[in-house]
Amino acid sequence: MKLKIAIQKSGRLYDDSVKLLKDCGIDLKNGVNKLRTESDNFPMEIYFLRDDDIPQYVEDAVADIGIVGENVLYENCKQVDIVEHLGFGKCRLSVAVGRGEQYTDVTYLQGKRIATTYPTLVRQFLAKNKVEADIHEISGSVEIAPGIGLANAIVDLVSSGSTLFMNGLKEVETVLQSQAVLVRNKNLSDEQQTILDKFLFRIRAVKRARNTKYILLNAPNDKLKDIIALLPGMKSPTVLPLAEAGWSSVHSVLNENDFWDIIERLKDAGAQGILVVPIEKMII
């Protein structure tokens, strides 16, 4: 029995999806220009598909699980379960209008023409806000629609916003915050679920490691209590005596979000020789 996973064959999630599999210790046979490959060291088959097709393949059990952007998943409205948010491929689906427009709130869109490749999500957004507008579904180059007179506004994916700026647009509303998610078919067998649980265990270890750093530092013993108070670690910091009397080596783990603030406070508390090391996996 192998668990079948669908990932993008190209596009913005492909590289991160493959990296996640490799970080989880799953070896992939050469998948270049292939639609299917398998792992030598984990019971998994990998299908390389168009991102728009992944939710349907998982719903139909052609694939057991899949990695897909929330924007694609919610636009397709397929009956699958989200089992894990993966933390990459982050973007937002946003409303944008011309930079010269006087936009105050969503009522600006009343009676306007909106160009998008996400008509389902746009309809839901408009209905939620009790706004009626004409939706023009187009397949690409959405950002040029206002400039050529096709629409008054657009709804499209935004990451940095540079494409909007280059086309004379400004972002005014967020319809959806999106990231890559792992989805599963609703009717996995017990054996398939067991393999998925093993895969999720690895994913979560990789994610925890991605957000943490391992830190080693030297501390004078008379400042040890104050320094330890800044380093909770997973349970508590590890403290080892140094060869030089009056000094100890302190080992701990820091959250990426708190890293720089704590480093500054450690230096102020008397820590020296601070060494920071990335963590590959973290098992709790």
Protein backbone atom coordinates (compact mmCIF):
# COMPACT_ATOMS: atom_id res chain seq x y z
CA MET A 1 0.00 0.00 0.00
CA LYS A 2 1.30 3.43 -0.98
CA LEU A 3 -0.17 6.82 -0.16
CA LYS A 4 -0.78 8.84 -3.34
CA ILE A 5 0.02 12.55 -3.08
CA ALA A 6 -0.69 15.20 -5.74
CA ILE A 7 1.54 18.27 -6.01
CA GLN A 8 1.91 21.01 -8.61
CA LYS A 9 3.90 19.99 -11.67
CA SER A 10 5.00 23.63 -12.06
CA GLY A 11 4.19 26.96 -10.50
CA ARG A 12 4.79 28.80 -7.25
CA LEU A 13 4.17 25.80 -4.93
CA TYR A 14 6.23 23.21 -6.82
CA ASP A 15 9.68 23.92 -5.37
CA ASP A 16 8.47 24.23 -1.78
CA SER A 17 6.35 21.08 -2.08
CA VAL A 18 9.30 19.02 -3.32
CA LYS A 19 11.54 20.55 -0.65
CA LEU A 20 9.02 19.61 2.04
CA LEU A 21 9.00 15.99 0.89
CA LYS A 22 12.81 15.88 0.88
CA ASP A 23 13.01 17.60 4.30
CA CYS A 24 10.69 14.87 5.56
CA GLY A 25 13.26 12.30 4.42
CA ILE A 26 11.20 11.13 1.45
CA ASP A 27 13.42 10.33 -1.53
CA LEU A 28 11.92 11.02 -4.94
CA LYS A 29 13.01 9.25 -8.08
CA ASN A 30 13.79 11.60 -10.93
CA GLY A 31 10.47 13.28 -11.68
CA VAL A 32 11.60 15.61 -14.47
CA ASN A 33 8.93 15.70 -17.20
CA LYS A 34 7.07 12.87 -15.47
CA LEU A 35 3.50 12.93 -14.26
CA ARG A 36 4.13 10.23 -11.67
CA THR A 37 7.03 9.00 -9.56
CA GLU A 38 7.46 7.18 -6.26
CA SER A 39 9.63 7.14 -3.19
CA ASP A 40 12.20 4.44 -2.52
CA ASN A 41 12.15 4.85 1.26
CA PHE A 42 8.55 5.78 2.14
CA PRO A 43 5.26 4.24 0.97
CA MET A 44 4.29 7.16 -1.26
CA GLU A 45 3.52 7.81 -4.93
CA ILE A 46 3.78 11.39 -6.18
CA TYR A 47 1.56 12.76 -8.95
CA PHE A 48 2.55 16.03 -10.68
CA LEU A 49 -0.63 17.84 -11.70
CA ARG A 50 -2.05 21.24 -12.59
CA ASP A 51 -2.87 23.06 -9.36
CA ASP A 52 -6.51 23.60 -10.37
CA ASP A 53 -6.94 19.83 -10.82
CA ILE A 54 -5.56 18.75 -7.44
CA PRO A 55 -8.73 19.29 -5.34
CA GLN A 56 -10.80 17.27 -7.83
CA TYR A 57 -8.27 14.42 -7.95
CA VAL A 58 -8.26 14.22 -4.15
CA GLU A 59 -12.06 14.35 -3.91
CA ASP A 60 -12.31 11.54 -6.49
CA ALA A 61 -9.64 9.46 -4.66
CA VAL A 62 -7.37 9.43 -7.69
CA ALA A 63 -4.93 10.92 -5.19
CA ASP A 64 -5.29 10.30 -1.45
CA ILE A 65 -3.77 13.63 -0.38
CA GLY A 66 -2.58 16.79 -2.09
CA ILE A 67 -0.72 20.05 -1.57
CA VAL A 68 -2.64 23.03 -2.89
CA GLY A 69 -3.10 26.74 -2.22
CA GLU A 70 -6.14 27.70 -0.15
CA ASN A 71 -7.14 30.09 -2.94
CA VAL A 72 -7.41 27.19 -5.41
CA LEU A 73 -9.09 24.91 -2.88
CA TYR A 74 -11.83 27.38 -1.91
CA GLU A 75 -12.39 28.48 -5.50
CA ASN A 76 -12.98 24.88 -6.57
CA CYS A 77 -15.32 24.07 -3.65
CA LYS A 78 -14.38 20.39 -3.54
CA GLN A 79 -15.26 18.01 -0.70
CA VAL A 80 -11.85 17.37 0.88
CA ASP A 81 -10.44 17.85 4.39
CA ILE A 82 -7.61 20.23 5.28
CA VAL A 83 -5.24 18.33 7.58
CA GLU A 84 -2.31 20.75 7.86
CA HIS A 85 -1.41 24.34 7.03
CA LEU A 86 2.11 24.15 5.60
CA GLY A 87 3.39 27.69 6.08
CA PHE A 88 4.68 28.34 2.55
CA GLY A 89 3.17 29.81 -0.59
CA LYS A 90 1.70 32.66 1.44
CA CYS A 91 -0.17 35.31 -0.52
CA ARG A 92 -3.46 37.15 -0.41
CA LEU A 93 -6.38 37.45 -2.78
CA SER A 94 -7.08 41.16 -2.92
CA VAL A 95 -9.23 43.82 -4.53
CA ALA A 96 -7.26 46.45 -6.43
CA VAL A 97 -8.38 49.66 -8.14
CA GLY A 98 -6.64 52.44 -10.03
CA ARG A 99 -4.22 54.48 -7.92
CA GLY A 100 -6.17 57.64 -8.66
CA GLU A 101 -9.50 56.25 -7.47
CA GLN A 102 -11.03 57.55 -4.22
CA TYR A 103 -11.73 54.24 -2.49
CA THR A 104 -13.37 54.45 0.93
CA ASP A 105 -14.85 50.99 1.56
CA VAL A 106 -16.29 47.96 -0.20
CA THR A 107 -19.42 49.87 -1.23
CA TYR A 108 -17.20 51.47 -3.90
CA LEU A 109 -17.66 48.22 -5.85
CA GLN A 110 -21.45 48.59 -6.08
CA GLY A 111 -22.42 48.38 -9.76
CA LYS A 112 -18.78 48.19 -10.87
CA ARG A 113 -17.12 45.69 -13.22
CA ILE A 114 -14.60 43.36 -11.55
CA ALA A 115 -12.10 41.24 -13.47
CA THR A 116 -10.80 38.08 -11.80
CA THR A 117 -9.79 34.46 -12.24
CA TYR A 118 -11.57 33.66 -8.95
CA PRO A 119 -15.28 34.26 -9.64
CA THR A 120 -16.54 31.95 -6.88
CA LEU A 121 -14.54 33.67 -4.14
CA VAL A 122 -15.45 37.09 -5.49
CA ARG A 123 -19.17 36.24 -5.50
CA GLN A 124 -18.91 35.04 -1.89
CA PHE A 125 -17.04 38.22 -0.91
CA LEU A 126 -19.61 40.47 -2.57
CA ALA A 127 -22.54 38.57 -1.07
CA LYS A 128 -21.00 38.77 2.41
CA ASN A 129 -20.70 42.54 2.01
CA LYS A 130 -24.13 42.92 0.34
CA VAL A 131 -22.64 44.45 -2.79
CA GLU A 132 -23.80 43.79 -6.34
CA ALA A 133 -21.25 44.01 -9.14
CA ASP A 134 -20.55 42.51 -12.57
CA ILE A 135 -17.85 39.81 -12.51
CA HIS A 136 -15.74 39.31 -15.63
CA GLU A 137 -13.91 35.99 -15.46
CA ILE A 138 -10.63 36.07 -17.38
CA SER A 139 -7.84 33.51 -17.49
CA GLY A 140 -4.74 35.68 -17.18
CA SER A 141 -3.19 39.17 -17.10
CA VAL A 142 -5.94 40.34 -14.78
CA GLU A 143 -3.97 43.42 -13.76
CA ILE A 144 -4.27 45.05 -17.20
CA ALA A 145 -8.10 44.94 -17.19
CA PRO A 146 -8.68 48.43 -15.71
CA GLY A 147 -6.11 50.00 -18.04
CA ILE A 148 -7.83 48.71 -21.18
CA GLY A 149 -11.32 49.59 -19.96
CA LEU A 150 -12.48 46.03 -19.30
CA ALA A 151 -13.09 46.55 -15.59
CA ASN A 152 -13.15 49.15 -12.82
CA ALA A 153 -11.42 46.84 -10.34
CA ILE A 154 -9.70 43.49 -10.16
CA VAL A 155 -9.43 40.66 -7.64
CA ASP A 156 -6.15 38.80 -7.95
CA LEU A 157 -3.36 37.14 -5.97
CA VAL A 158 -0.86 39.55 -4.41
CA SER A 159 2.46 38.84 -2.73
CA SER A 160 4.73 41.90 -2.95
CA GLY A 161 2.32 44.22 -4.78
CA SER A 162 4.93 45.22 -7.38
CA THR A 163 2.82 43.98 -10.31
CA LEU A 164 -0.10 46.10 -9.17
CA PHE A 165 2.14 49.15 -8.83
CA MET A 166 3.58 48.70 -12.32
CA ASN A 167 0.04 48.63 -13.72
CA GLY A 168 -1.13 51.74 -11.90
CA LEU A 169 -3.19 49.88 -9.30
CA LYS A 170 -3.45 49.93 -5.52
CA GLU A 171 -4.57 47.18 -3.15
CA VAL A 172 -7.66 48.17 -1.16
CA GLU A 173 -9.31 45.05 0.31
CA THR A 174 -8.22 41.53 1.24
CA VAL A 175 -10.63 38.81 0.17
CA LEU A 176 -8.58 35.84 1.43
CA GLN A 177 -5.27 35.16 3.17
CA SER A 178 -3.87 32.06 1.51
CA GLN A 179 -1.08 29.54 2.01
CA ALA A 180 -0.32 25.98 0.95
CA VAL A 181 -2.33 23.31 2.75
CA LEU A 182 -2.27 19.53 2.84
CA VAL A 183 -5.69 18.10 2.00
CA ARG A 184 -6.98 14.53 2.18
CA ASN A 185 -9.75 12.46 0.70
CA LYS A 186 -12.62 12.07 3.17
CA ASN A 187 -12.66 8.28 2.90
CA LEU A 188 -9.13 7.06 3.52
CA SER A 189 -8.72 3.49 4.66
CA ASP A 190 -7.20 2.76 8.05
CA GLU A 191 -3.95 1.75 6.36
CA GLN A 192 -3.85 4.94 4.30
CA GLN A 193 -4.56 7.02 7.41
CA THR A 194 -1.70 5.30 9.25
CA ILE A 195 0.73 6.30 6.49
CA LEU A 196 -0.69 9.84 6.49
CA ASP A 197 -0.17 10.08 10.25
CA LYS A 198 3.49 9.12 9.81
CA PHE A 199 3.84 11.77 7.09
CA LEU A 200 2.18 14.41 9.30
CA PHE A 201 4.54 13.54 12.15
CA ARG A 202 7.48 14.33 9.87
CA ILE A 203 5.88 17.50 8.49
CA ARG A 204 5.27 18.88 11.97
CA ALA A 205 8.85 18.13 13.03
CA VAL A 206 10.11 20.04 9.97
CA LYS A 207 7.76 22.97 10.62
CA ARG A 208 8.80 23.28 14.25
CA ALA A 209 12.46 23.28 13.23
CA ARG A 210 11.80 25.93 10.58
CA ASN A 211 10.55 28.35 13.23
CA THR A 212 13.28 27.79 15.82
CA LYS A 213 17.02 28.25 16.33
CA TYR A 214 19.44 26.39 18.58
CA ILE A 215 21.52 28.76 20.68
CA LEU A 216 24.75 28.20 22.63
CA LEU A 217 26.38 30.88 24.76
CA ASN A 218 28.88 31.43 27.54
CA ALA A 219 27.61 32.97 30.77
CA PRO A 220 29.36 34.16 33.94
CA ASN A 221 27.98 32.15 36.84
CA ASP A 222 27.01 35.26 38.79
CA LYS A 223 24.71 36.25 35.85
CA LEU A 224 23.46 32.75 35.16
CA LYS A 225 20.08 33.13 36.84
CA ASP A 226 19.21 36.27 34.85
CA ILE A 227 20.34 34.71 31.55
CA ILE A 228 18.43 31.47 32.13
CA ALA A 229 15.27 33.51 32.80
CA LEU A 230 15.50 34.76 29.21
CA LEU A 231 15.82 31.22 27.77
CA PRO A 232 12.87 28.96 28.50
CA GLY A 233 13.89 26.35 25.88
CA MET A 234 11.63 23.37 25.23
CA LYS A 235 11.59 22.53 28.95
CA SER A 236 14.55 24.43 30.42
CA PRO A 237 18.01 25.42 29.14
CA THR A 238 20.92 23.01 29.43
CA VAL A 239 23.76 24.37 31.59
CA LEU A 240 27.27 22.85 31.52
CA PRO A 241 30.36 24.04 33.41
CA LEU A 242 33.24 25.42 31.32
CA ALA A 243 36.89 24.60 31.95
CA GLU A 244 37.39 28.20 33.03
CA ALA A 245 36.19 28.64 36.61
CA GLY A 246 33.18 30.90 37.12
CA TRP A 247 31.71 30.31 33.65
CA SER A 248 29.07 28.00 32.18
CA SER A 249 27.87 27.06 28.72
CA VAL A 250 24.13 27.47 28.19
CA HIS A 251 22.22 25.65 25.42
CA SER A 252 18.62 26.39 24.47
CA VAL A 253 16.07 26.88 21.69
CA LEU A 254 14.60 30.18 20.53
CA ASN A 255 11.50 30.95 18.50
CA GLU A 256 12.35 32.77 15.26
CA ASN A 257 9.84 35.53 16.03
CA ASP A 258 11.52 36.36 19.36
CA PHE A 259 15.08 35.81 18.22
CA TRP A 260 16.58 39.29 17.82
CA ASP A 261 14.86 40.78 20.85
CA ILE A 262 16.13 37.98 23.11
CA ILE A 263 19.66 38.09 21.65
CA GLU A 264 19.93 41.78 22.56
CA ARG A 265 18.67 41.11 26.07
CA LEU A 266 21.12 38.22 26.51
CA LYS A 267 24.05 40.46 25.61
CA ASP A 268 22.83 43.12 28.03
CA ALA A 269 22.59 40.41 30.74
CA GLY A 270 26.26 39.44 30.25
CA ALA A 271 26.16 36.55 27.77
CA GLN A 272 29.21 36.14 25.53
CA GLY A 273 30.26 33.96 22.59
CA ILE A 274 26.70 33.52 21.38
CA LEU A 275 26.41 30.86 18.65
CA VAL A 276 23.19 30.35 16.70
CA VAL A 277 22.59 27.14 14.72
CA PRO A 278 19.66 26.19 12.44
CA ILE A 279 17.63 23.14 13.45
CA GLU A 280 16.85 20.52 10.81
CA LYS A 281 14.15 18.59 12.69
CA MET A 282 12.48 19.02 16.07
CA ILE A 283 10.65 16.14 17.75
CA ILE A 284 8.62 16.91 20.87
